[in-house]
Amino acid sequence: MAQIATLTFTQTLDHEQGFKGVARIRDLEPVRFDEPESLGGEDSAPCPMDYLLTAIGGCLMSSLAMCLDKKRVDARLAMDLEGTVERDDDGLLRVSGVRVKIRVAAPEESRRKVEGCYGIFKKYCIVSASVARGIPLETELVFGP
Protein backbone atom coordinates (compact mmCIF):
# COMPACT_ATOMS: atom_id res chain seq x y z
CA MET A 1 0.00 0.00 0.00
CA ALA A 2 1.37 3.41 -0.95
CA GLN A 3 1.94 6.02 1.72
CA ILE A 4 -0.96 8.44 1.83
CA ALA A 5 -0.32 12.03 2.86
CA THR A 6 -3.88 13.34 2.64
CA LEU A 7 -7.32 11.85 2.22
CA THR A 8 -10.46 13.82 1.52
CA PHE A 9 -13.93 12.44 2.15
CA THR A 10 -16.98 14.30 0.96
CA GLN A 11 -20.70 13.89 1.13
CA THR A 12 -23.79 15.94 0.48
CA LEU A 13 -26.55 16.35 3.03
CA ASP A 14 -30.00 17.54 2.08
CA HIS A 15 -32.64 18.68 4.54
CA GLU A 16 -36.04 17.11 3.96
CA GLN A 17 -38.32 18.42 6.71
CA GLY A 18 -38.24 18.90 10.46
CA PHE A 19 -35.04 17.20 11.57
CA LYS A 20 -35.03 14.74 8.69
CA GLY A 21 -32.36 14.69 6.05
CA VAL A 22 -30.47 12.50 3.67
CA ALA A 23 -26.74 12.10 3.12
CA ARG A 24 -25.31 11.16 -0.24
CA ILE A 25 -21.93 9.53 0.07
CA ARG A 26 -19.98 8.66 -3.07
CA ASP A 27 -22.10 6.40 -5.29
CA LEU A 28 -23.63 4.53 -2.36
CA GLU A 29 -27.27 4.30 -1.36
CA PRO A 30 -28.43 7.50 0.37
CA VAL A 31 -28.33 7.47 4.17
CA ARG A 32 -31.22 9.03 6.05
CA PHE A 33 -31.13 10.72 9.43
CA ASP A 34 -33.59 12.16 11.91
CA GLU A 35 -33.60 12.99 15.59
CA PRO A 36 -35.33 10.94 18.27
CA GLU A 37 -38.66 12.20 19.54
CA SER A 38 -36.99 13.32 22.79
CA LEU A 39 -35.04 15.87 20.73
CA GLY A 40 -37.97 16.97 18.59
CA GLY A 41 -37.63 14.55 15.68
CA GLU A 42 -39.84 11.74 14.51
CA ASP A 43 -37.31 8.94 15.19
CA SER A 44 -37.71 7.75 11.58
CA ALA A 45 -34.00 7.10 11.00
CA PRO A 46 -30.73 6.99 12.93
CA CYS A 47 -29.66 10.33 14.39
CA PRO A 48 -26.23 11.95 14.01
CA MET A 49 -25.16 10.54 17.40
CA ASP A 50 -25.96 7.06 16.10
CA TYR A 51 -23.74 7.69 13.10
CA LEU A 52 -20.97 9.07 15.32
CA LEU A 53 -20.97 5.82 17.29
CA THR A 54 -21.03 3.81 14.05
CA ALA A 55 -18.06 5.78 12.72
CA ILE A 56 -16.06 5.26 15.91
CA GLY A 57 -16.93 1.57 16.20
CA GLY A 58 -16.49 0.84 12.52
CA CYS A 59 -13.04 2.37 12.48
CA LEU A 60 -11.98 0.63 15.70
CA MET A 61 -13.25 -2.70 14.40
CA SER A 62 -11.43 -2.30 11.08
CA SER A 63 -8.19 -1.39 12.86
CA LEU A 64 -8.41 -4.31 15.27
CA ALA A 65 -9.36 -6.72 12.47
CA MET A 66 -6.35 -5.54 10.47
CA CYS A 67 -4.01 -6.21 13.39
CA LEU A 68 -5.53 -9.63 14.06
CA ASP A 69 -5.25 -10.48 10.37
CA LYS A 70 -1.56 -9.55 10.36
CA LYS A 71 -1.04 -11.75 13.45
CA ARG A 72 -3.00 -14.54 11.72
CA VAL A 73 -5.60 -14.71 14.45
CA ASP A 74 -8.98 -16.08 13.42
CA ALA A 75 -11.45 -14.24 15.64
CA ARG A 76 -15.00 -13.00 15.57
CA LEU A 77 -15.39 -9.39 16.66
CA ALA A 78 -18.39 -7.52 17.98
CA MET A 79 -18.68 -4.17 19.74
CA ASP A 80 -21.20 -2.51 22.00
CA LEU A 81 -21.01 1.28 21.99
CA GLU A 82 -22.62 3.78 24.31
CA GLY A 83 -22.46 7.53 23.84
CA THR A 84 -23.38 9.90 26.64
CA VAL A 85 -24.82 13.35 25.97
CA GLU A 86 -24.93 15.88 28.80
CA ARG A 87 -25.27 19.60 29.24
CA ASP A 88 -22.00 21.52 29.35
CA ASP A 89 -21.20 24.58 31.48
CA ASP A 90 -23.17 26.74 29.03
CA GLY A 91 -26.21 24.48 29.28
CA LEU A 92 -25.71 23.05 25.77
CA LEU A 93 -26.02 19.35 24.99
CA ARG A 94 -22.62 17.88 24.10
CA VAL A 95 -21.15 14.41 23.73
CA SER A 96 -19.42 13.89 27.06
CA GLY A 97 -18.05 10.42 26.47
CA VAL A 98 -18.05 7.23 24.46
CA ARG A 99 -17.62 3.74 25.88
CA VAL A 100 -16.76 0.80 23.67
CA LYS A 101 -16.93 -2.81 24.79
CA ILE A 102 -15.02 -5.00 22.36
CA ARG A 103 -16.06 -8.63 22.34
CA VAL A 104 -13.58 -11.08 20.83
CA ALA A 105 -14.32 -14.74 20.20
CA ALA A 106 -10.91 -16.30 19.59
CA PRO A 107 -9.19 -19.55 20.50
CA GLU A 108 -7.59 -19.58 23.95
CA GLU A 109 -4.12 -19.94 22.42
CA SER A 110 -4.62 -16.65 20.53
CA ARG A 111 -5.41 -14.48 23.57
CA ARG A 112 -1.87 -13.11 23.93
CA LYS A 113 -1.93 -12.00 20.28
CA VAL A 114 -5.37 -10.44 20.76
CA GLU A 115 -4.18 -8.60 23.86
CA GLY A 116 -1.11 -7.43 21.92
CA CYS A 117 -3.33 -6.02 19.19
CA TYR A 118 -5.56 -4.42 21.81
CA GLY A 119 -2.52 -2.59 23.14
CA ILE A 120 -1.77 -0.92 19.80
CA PHE A 121 -4.76 -0.96 17.43
CA LYS A 122 -6.42 2.30 18.61
CA LYS A 123 -3.60 4.47 17.34
CA TYR A 124 -4.31 3.25 13.79
CA CYS A 125 -8.02 4.15 13.87
CA ILE A 126 -8.35 7.50 12.10
CA VAL A 127 -11.82 8.29 13.46
CA SER A 128 -11.49 7.34 17.11
CA ALA A 129 -8.01 8.86 17.46
CA SER A 130 -9.32 12.10 16.00
CA VAL A 131 -12.51 12.12 18.07
CA ALA A 132 -10.58 11.26 21.25
CA ARG A 133 -8.75 14.56 21.00
CA GLY A 134 -12.02 16.28 21.84
CA ILE A 135 -14.22 13.55 23.30
CA PRO A 136 -13.00 11.13 25.96
CA LEU A 137 -12.98 7.67 24.43
CA GLU A 138 -12.86 4.60 26.61
CA THR A 139 -12.50 1.06 25.32
CA GLU A 140 -12.86 -2.26 27.05
CA LEU A 141 -11.71 -5.67 25.85
CA VAL A 142 -14.08 -8.57 26.58
CA PHE A 143 -13.58 -12.14 25.43
CA GLY A 144 -16.56 -14.19 24.35
CA PRO A 145 -19.50 -13.88 21.96
C-alpha atoms as a PDB file:
ATOM      1  CA  MET A   1       0.000   0.000   0.000  1.00  0.00           C
ATOM      2  CA  ALA A   2       1.375   3.406  -0.954  1.00  0.00           C
ATOM      3  CA  GLN A   3       1.943   6.020   1.725  1.00  0.00           C
ATOM      4  CA  ILE A   4      -0.963   8.445   1.832  1.00  0.00           C
ATOM      5  CA  ALA A   5      -0.317  12.027   2.859  1.00  0.00           C
ATOM      6  CA  THR A   6      -3.875  13.343   2.641  1.00  0.00           C
ATOM      7  CA  LEU A   7      -7.321  11.853   2.222  1.00  0.00           C
ATOM      8  CA  THR A   8     -10.459  13.818   1.520  1.00  0.00           C
ATOM      9  CA  PHE A   9     -13.927  12.440   2.146  1.00  0.00           C
ATOM     10  CA  THR A  10     -16.978  14.304   0.956  1.00  0.00           C
ATOM     11  CA  GLN A  11     -20.696  13.891   1.126  1.00  0.00           C
ATOM     12  CA  THR A  12     -23.786  15.936   0.477  1.00  0.00           C
ATOM     13  CA  LEU A  13     -26.550  16.353   3.029  1.00  0.00           C
ATOM     14  CA  ASP A  14     -30.001  17.537   2.078  1.00  0.00           C
ATOM     15  CA  HIS A  15     -32.639  18.680   4.544  1.00  0.00           C
ATOM     16  CA  GLU A  16     -36.039  17.110   3.959  1.00  0.00           C
ATOM     17  CA  GLN A  17     -38.319  18.423   6.711  1.00  0.00           C
ATOM     18  CA  GLY A  18     -38.237  18.901  10.465  1.00  0.00           C
ATOM     19  CA  PHE A  19     -35.043  17.200  11.572  1.00  0.00           C
ATOM     20  CA  LYS A  20     -35.028  14.743   8.688  1.00  0.00           C
ATOM     21  CA  GLY A  21     -32.363  14.689   6.055  1.00  0.00           C
ATOM     22  CA  VAL A  22     -30.469  12.505   3.665  1.00  0.00           C
ATOM     23  CA  ALA A  23     -26.740  12.096   3.124  1.00  0.00           C
ATOM     24  CA  ARG A  24     -25.311  11.158  -0.239  1.00  0.00           C
ATOM     25  CA  ILE A  25     -21.929   9.530   0.065  1.00  0.00           C
ATOM     26  CA  ARG A  26     -19.975   8.660  -3.072  1.00  0.00           C
ATOM     27  CA  ASP A  27     -22.104   6.402  -5.293  1.00  0.00           C
ATOM     28  CA  LEU A  28     -23.631   4.530  -2.358  1.00  0.00           C
ATOM     29  CA  GLU A  29     -27.267   4.304  -1.365  1.00  0.00           C
ATOM     30  CA  PRO A  30     -28.427   7.496   0.370  1.00  0.00           C
ATOM     31  CA  VAL A  31     -28.328   7.475   4.169  1.00  0.00           C
ATOM     32  CA  ARG A  32     -31.224   9.029   6.051  1.00  0.00           C
ATOM     33  CA  PHE A  33     -31.126  10.721   9.432  1.00  0.00           C
ATOM     34  CA  ASP A  34     -33.595  12.162  11.910  1.00  0.00           C
ATOM     35  CA  GLU A  35     -33.603  12.989  15.593  1.00  0.00           C
ATOM     36  CA  PRO A  36     -35.329  10.938  18.271  1.00  0.00           C
ATOM     37  CA  GLU A  37     -38.664  12.198  19.537  1.00  0.00           C
ATOM     38  CA  SER A  38     -36.991  13.317  22.792  1.00  0.00           C
ATOM     39  CA  LEU A  39     -35.036  15.870  20.728  1.00  0.00           C
ATOM     40  CA  GLY A  40     -37.970  16.973  18.587  1.00  0.00           C
ATOM     41  CA  GLY A  41     -37.634  14.552  15.677  1.00  0.00           C
ATOM     42  CA  GLU A  42     -39.843  11.735  14.505  1.00  0.00           C
ATOM     43  CA  ASP A  43     -37.309   8.941  15.189  1.00  0.00           C
ATOM     44  CA  SER A  44     -37.715   7.754  11.581  1.00  0.00           C
ATOM     45  CA  ALA A  45     -34.004   7.100  11.001  1.00  0.00           C
ATOM     46  CA  PRO A  46     -30.734   6.990  12.934  1.00  0.00           C
ATOM     47  CA  CYS A  47     -29.661  10.333  14.388  1.00  0.00           C
ATOM     48  CA  PRO A  48     -26.232  11.950  14.011  1.00  0.00           C
ATOM     49  CA  MET A  49     -25.161  10.538  17.397  1.00  0.00           C
ATOM     50  CA  ASP A  50     -25.963   7.056  16.104  1.00  0.00           C
ATOM     51  CA  TYR A  51     -23.737   7.693  13.098  1.00  0.00           C
ATOM     52  CA  LEU A  52     -20.965   9.069  15.318  1.00  0.00           C
ATOM     53  CA  LEU A  53     -20.965   5.816  17.289  1.00  0.00           C
ATOM     54  CA  THR A  54     -21.034   3.814  14.045  1.00  0.00           C
ATOM     55  CA  ALA A  55     -18.058   5.785  12.717  1.00  0.00           C
ATOM     56  CA  ILE A  56     -16.059   5.261  15.905  1.00  0.00           C
ATOM     57  CA  GLY A  57     -16.932   1.572  16.204  1.00  0.00           C
ATOM     58  CA  GLY A  58     -16.494   0.840  12.518  1.00  0.00           C
ATOM     59  CA  CYS A  59     -13.039   2.372  12.482  1.00  0.00           C
ATOM     60  CA  LEU A  60     -11.982   0.634  15.698  1.00  0.00           C
ATOM     61  CA  MET A  61     -13.253  -2.703  14.400  1.00  0.00           C
ATOM     62  CA  SER A  62     -11.428  -2.304  11.082  1.00  0.00           C
ATOM     63  CA  SER A  63      -8.189  -1.388  12.855  1.00  0.00           C
ATOM     64  CA  LEU A  64      -8.409  -4.311  15.266  1.00  0.00           C
ATOM     65  CA  ALA A  65      -9.363  -6.716  12.473  1.00  0.00           C
ATOM     66  CA  MET A  66      -6.347  -5.536  10.469  1.00  0.00           C
ATOM     67  CA  CYS A  67      -4.006  -6.208  13.395  1.00  0.00           C
ATOM     68  CA  LEU A  68      -5.533  -9.634  14.058  1.00  0.00           C
ATOM     69  CA  ASP A  69      -5.250 -10.485  10.368  1.00  0.00           C
ATOM     70  CA  LYS A  70      -1.558  -9.547  10.356  1.00  0.00           C
ATOM     71  CA  LYS A  71      -1.040 -11.751  13.447  1.00  0.00           C
ATOM     72  CA  ARG A  72      -2.997 -14.544  11.718  1.00  0.00           C
ATOM     73  CA  VAL A  73      -5.604 -14.714  14.455  1.00  0.00           C
ATOM     74  CA  ASP A  74      -8.983 -16.081  13.416  1.00  0.00           C
ATOM     75  CA  ALA A  75     -11.447 -14.235  15.641  1.00  0.00           C
ATOM     76  CA  ARG A  76     -15.001 -13.003  15.566  1.00  0.00           C
ATOM     77  CA  LEU A  77     -15.387  -9.388  16.664  1.00  0.00           C
ATOM     78  CA  ALA A  78     -18.390  -7.516  17.984  1.00  0.00           C
ATOM     79  CA  MET A  79     -18.681  -4.172  19.739  1.00  0.00           C
ATOM     80  CA  ASP A  80     -21.199  -2.513  22.000  1.00  0.00           C
ATOM     81  CA  LEU A  81     -21.010   1.278  21.986  1.00  0.00           C
ATOM     82  CA  GLU A  82     -22.615   3.783  24.311  1.00  0.00           C
ATOM     83  CA  GLY A  83     -22.455   7.525  23.844  1.00  0.00           C
ATOM     84  CA  THR A  84     -23.381   9.896  26.638  1.00  0.00           C
ATOM     85  CA  VAL A  85     -24.815  13.347  25.968  1.00  0.00           C
ATOM     86  CA  GLU A  86     -24.931  15.875  28.799  1.00  0.00           C
ATOM     87  CA  ARG A  87     -25.268  19.599  29.236  1.00  0.00           C
ATOM     88  CA  ASP A  88     -21.998  21.519  29.354  1.00  0.00           C
ATOM     89  CA  ASP A  89     -21.197  24.585  31.480  1.00  0.00           C
ATOM     90  CA  ASP A  90     -23.166  26.743  29.033  1.00  0.00           C
ATOM     91  CA  GLY A  91     -26.213  24.479  29.285  1.00  0.00           C
ATOM     92  CA  LEU A  92     -25.712  23.052  25.772  1.00  0.00           C
ATOM     93  CA  LEU A  93     -26.018  19.353  24.985  1.00  0.00           C
ATOM     94  CA  ARG A  94     -22.624  17.876  24.099  1.00  0.00           C
ATOM     95  CA  VAL A  95     -21.155  14.413  23.731  1.00  0.00           C
ATOM     96  CA  SER A  96     -19.423  13.886  27.056  1.00  0.00           C
ATOM     97  CA  GLY A  97     -18.053  10.423  26.465  1.00  0.00           C
ATOM     98  CA  VAL A  98     -18.053   7.231  24.460  1.00  0.00           C
ATOM     99  CA  ARG A  99     -17.618   3.742  25.884  1.00  0.00           C
ATOM    100  CA  VAL A 100     -16.757   0.805  23.671  1.00  0.00           C
ATOM    101  CA  LYS A 101     -16.932  -2.808  24.794  1.00  0.00           C
ATOM    102  CA  ILE A 102     -15.020  -4.996  22.361  1.00  0.00           C
ATOM    103  CA  ARG A 103     -16.055  -8.635  22.338  1.00  0.00           C
ATOM    104  CA  VAL A 104     -13.577 -11.076  20.830  1.00  0.00           C
ATOM    105  CA  ALA A 105     -14.324 -14.742  20.197  1.00  0.00           C
ATOM    106  CA  ALA A 106     -10.914 -16.297  19.589  1.00  0.00           C
ATOM    107  CA  PRO A 107      -9.185 -19.545  20.498  1.00  0.00           C
ATOM    108  CA  GLU A 108      -7.586 -19.577  23.954  1.00  0.00           C
ATOM    109  CA  GLU A 109      -4.124 -19.943  22.421  1.00  0.00           C
ATOM    110  CA  SER A 110      -4.620 -16.646  20.528  1.00  0.00           C
ATOM    111  CA  ARG A 111      -5.412 -14.485  23.573  1.00  0.00           C
ATOM    112  CA  ARG A 112      -1.871 -13.113  23.929  1.00  0.00           C
ATOM    113  CA  LYS A 113      -1.926 -12.003  20.284  1.00  0.00           C
ATOM    114  CA  VAL A 114      -5.371 -10.440  20.756  1.00  0.00           C
ATOM    115  CA  GLU A 115      -4.180  -8.597  23.858  1.00  0.00           C
ATOM    116  CA  GLY A 116      -1.107  -7.429  21.916  1.00  0.00           C
ATOM    117  CA  CYS A 117      -3.333  -6.018  19.186  1.00  0.00           C
ATOM    118  CA  TYR A 118      -5.564  -4.421  21.813  1.00  0.00           C
ATOM    119  CA  GLY A 119      -2.523  -2.592  23.138  1.00  0.00           C
ATOM    120  CA  ILE A 120      -1.771  -0.924  19.803  1.00  0.00           C
ATOM    121  CA  PHE A 121      -4.755  -0.956  17.433  1.00  0.00           C
ATOM    122  CA  LYS A 122      -6.422   2.297  18.608  1.00  0.00           C
ATOM    123  CA  LYS A 123      -3.598   4.475  17.338  1.00  0.00           C
ATOM    124  CA  TYR A 124      -4.314   3.254  13.788  1.00  0.00           C
ATOM    125  CA  CYS A 125      -8.015   4.154  13.865  1.00  0.00           C
ATOM    126  CA  ILE A 126      -8.349   7.501  12.102  1.00  0.00           C
ATOM    127  CA  VAL A 127     -11.816   8.290  13.464  1.00  0.00           C
ATOM    128  CA  SER A 128     -11.487   7.338  17.115  1.00  0.00           C
ATOM    129  CA  ALA A 129      -8.012   8.857  17.458  1.00  0.00           C
ATOM    130  CA  SER A 130      -9.315  12.103  15.996  1.00  0.00           C
ATOM    131  CA  VAL A 131     -12.508  12.120  18.071  1.00  0.00           C
ATOM    132  CA  ALA A 132     -10.585  11.263  21.248  1.00  0.00           C
ATOM    133  CA  ARG A 133      -8.753  14.557  20.996  1.00  0.00           C
ATOM    134  CA  GLY A 134     -12.024  16.284  21.837  1.00  0.00           C
ATOM    135  CA  ILE A 135     -14.217  13.547  23.302  1.00  0.00           C
ATOM    136  CA  PRO A 136     -13.004  11.130  25.956  1.00  0.00           C
ATOM    137  CA  LEU A 137     -12.983   7.666  24.431  1.00  0.00           C
ATOM    138  CA  GLU A 138     -12.864   4.596  26.611  1.00  0.00           C
ATOM    139  CA  THR A 139     -12.496   1.063  25.324  1.00  0.00           C
ATOM    140  CA  GLU A 140     -12.863  -2.263  27.053  1.00  0.00           C
ATOM    141  CA  LEU A 141     -11.715  -5.673  25.849  1.00  0.00           C
ATOM    142  CA  VAL A 142     -14.075  -8.570  26.584  1.00  0.00           C
ATOM    143  CA  PHE A 143     -13.578 -12.138  25.433  1.00  0.00           C
ATOM    144  CA  GLY A 144     -16.563 -14.188  24.354  1.00  0.00           C
ATOM    145  CA  PRO A 145     -19.499 -13.877  21.964  1.00  0.00           C
END
